[in-house]
Amino acid sequence: MKTFTVNIDAKLDEVLNYLKTSLGKTSRAETFRLSIALLKIAVEGREKGLRLVMADEDNNIAQEIVLP
């Protein structure tokens, strides 16, 4: 397995810790890997002409997430 080192500021550290706790992950590295996996899914969808949205339980779109 390769290693990846990244410097993060206090704000990103706070976000990673929040996500780690919210998602029930055991490490920030695990949270980071999940984040990359989700971003990969979003990019692959965009390449297929799909949109990334947040919808309520009735499928009403509350927000579209536009990737750069």
C-alpha atoms as a PDB file:
ATOM      1  CA  MET A   1       0.000   0.000   0.000  1.00  0.00           C
ATOM      2  CA  LYS A   2       1.236   3.475  -0.821  1.00  0.00           C
ATOM      3  CA  THR A   3       1.170   6.257   1.731  1.00  0.00           C
ATOM      4  CA  PHE A   4      -0.012   9.785   1.145  1.00  0.00           C
ATOM      5  CA  THR A   5       0.915  12.691   3.383  1.00  0.00           C
ATOM      6  CA  VAL A   6      -1.050  15.898   3.371  1.00  0.00           C
ATOM      7  CA  ASN A   7      -0.837  19.027   5.491  1.00  0.00           C
ATOM      8  CA  ILE A   8      -4.212  20.263   6.689  1.00  0.00           C
ATOM      9  CA  ASP A   9      -5.231  23.439   8.416  1.00  0.00           C
ATOM     10  CA  ALA A  10      -7.318  23.621  11.576  1.00  0.00           C
ATOM     11  CA  LYS A  11     -10.588  24.097   9.704  1.00  0.00           C
ATOM     12  CA  LEU A  12     -10.120  21.000   7.538  1.00  0.00           C
ATOM     13  CA  ASP A  13      -9.017  19.045  10.604  1.00  0.00           C
ATOM     14  CA  GLU A  14     -12.273  20.040  12.291  1.00  0.00           C
ATOM     15  CA  VAL A  15     -14.294  18.963   9.246  1.00  0.00           C
ATOM     16  CA  LEU A  16     -12.515  15.591   9.059  1.00  0.00           C
ATOM     17  CA  ASN A  17     -13.110  14.954  12.735  1.00  0.00           C
ATOM     18  CA  TYR A  18     -16.788  15.925  12.397  1.00  0.00           C
ATOM     19  CA  LEU A  19     -17.232  13.588   9.418  1.00  0.00           C
ATOM     20  CA  LYS A  20     -15.346  10.791  11.152  1.00  0.00           C
ATOM     21  CA  THR A  21     -17.637  10.991  14.151  1.00  0.00           C
ATOM     22  CA  SER A  22     -20.821  11.455  12.122  1.00  0.00           C
ATOM     23  CA  LEU A  23     -20.023   8.492   9.893  1.00  0.00           C
ATOM     24  CA  GLY A  24     -18.844   6.252  12.725  1.00  0.00           C
ATOM     25  CA  LYS A  25     -15.389   5.817  11.206  1.00  0.00           C
ATOM     26  CA  THR A  26     -12.393   4.940  13.322  1.00  0.00           C
ATOM     27  CA  SER A  27      -9.870   7.243  11.662  1.00  0.00           C
ATOM     28  CA  ARG A  28      -9.541  10.367   9.601  1.00  0.00           C
ATOM     29  CA  ALA A  29      -7.723   8.293   6.975  1.00  0.00           C
ATOM     30  CA  GLU A  30     -10.774   6.032   6.637  1.00  0.00           C
ATOM     31  CA  THR A  31     -12.957   9.118   6.304  1.00  0.00           C
ATOM     32  CA  PHE A  32     -10.637  10.550   3.658  1.00  0.00           C
ATOM     33  CA  ARG A  33     -10.752   7.289   1.656  1.00  0.00           C
ATOM     34  CA  LEU A  34     -14.563   7.322   1.757  1.00  0.00           C
ATOM     35  CA  SER A  35     -14.567  10.956   0.615  1.00  0.00           C
ATOM     36  CA  ILE A  36     -12.378  10.117  -2.384  1.00  0.00           C
ATOM     37  CA  ALA A  37     -14.591   7.129  -3.258  1.00  0.00           C
ATOM     38  CA  LEU A  38     -17.702   9.333  -3.196  1.00  0.00           C
ATOM     39  CA  LEU A  39     -16.020  12.004  -5.315  1.00  0.00           C
ATOM     40  CA  LYS A  40     -15.026   9.322  -7.837  1.00  0.00           C
ATOM     41  CA  ILE A  41     -18.663   8.196  -8.089  1.00  0.00           C
ATOM     42  CA  ALA A  42     -19.762  11.807  -8.615  1.00  0.00           C
ATOM     43  CA  VAL A  43     -17.186  12.419 -11.359  1.00  0.00           C
ATOM     44  CA  GLU A  44     -18.075   9.163 -13.134  1.00  0.00           C
ATOM     45  CA  GLY A  45     -21.741  10.161 -13.023  1.00  0.00           C
ATOM     46  CA  ARG A  46     -20.960  13.591 -14.438  1.00  0.00           C
ATOM     47  CA  GLU A  47     -19.044  11.931 -17.294  1.00  0.00           C
ATOM     48  CA  LYS A  48     -22.216   9.965 -18.077  1.00  0.00           C
ATOM     49  CA  GLY A  49     -24.304  13.129 -18.130  1.00  0.00           C
ATOM     50  CA  LEU A  50     -25.849  12.560 -14.704  1.00  0.00           C
ATOM     51  CA  ARG A  51     -26.456  15.215 -12.040  1.00  0.00           C
ATOM     52  CA  LEU A  52     -25.618  15.001  -8.367  1.00  0.00           C
ATOM     53  CA  VAL A  53     -28.532  16.179  -6.239  1.00  0.00           C
ATOM     54  CA  MET A  54     -29.837  16.075  -2.706  1.00  0.00           C
ATOM     55  CA  ALA A  55     -33.488  15.089  -2.600  1.00  0.00           C
ATOM     56  CA  ASP A  56     -36.036  14.535   0.139  1.00  0.00           C
ATOM     57  CA  GLU A  57     -37.888  11.270   0.680  1.00  0.00           C
ATOM     58  CA  ASP A  58     -40.443  12.296  -1.974  1.00  0.00           C
ATOM     59  CA  ASN A  59     -37.619  12.804  -4.504  1.00  0.00           C
ATOM     60  CA  ASN A  60     -38.074  16.580  -4.511  1.00  0.00           C
ATOM     61  CA  ILE A  61     -34.689  18.054  -5.353  1.00  0.00           C
ATOM     62  CA  ALA A  62     -33.533  20.328  -2.561  1.00  0.00           C
ATOM     63  CA  GLN A  63     -30.113  21.118  -3.965  1.00  0.00           C
ATOM     64  CA  GLU A  64     -27.939  20.278  -6.973  1.00  0.00           C
ATOM     65  CA  ILE A  65     -24.249  19.828  -6.327  1.00  0.00           C
ATOM     66  CA  VAL A  66     -22.235  21.087  -9.281  1.00  0.00           C
ATOM     67  CA  LEU A  67     -18.693  19.813  -9.649  1.00  0.00           C
ATOM     68  CA  PRO A  68     -16.063  22.091 -11.172  1.00  0.00           C
END
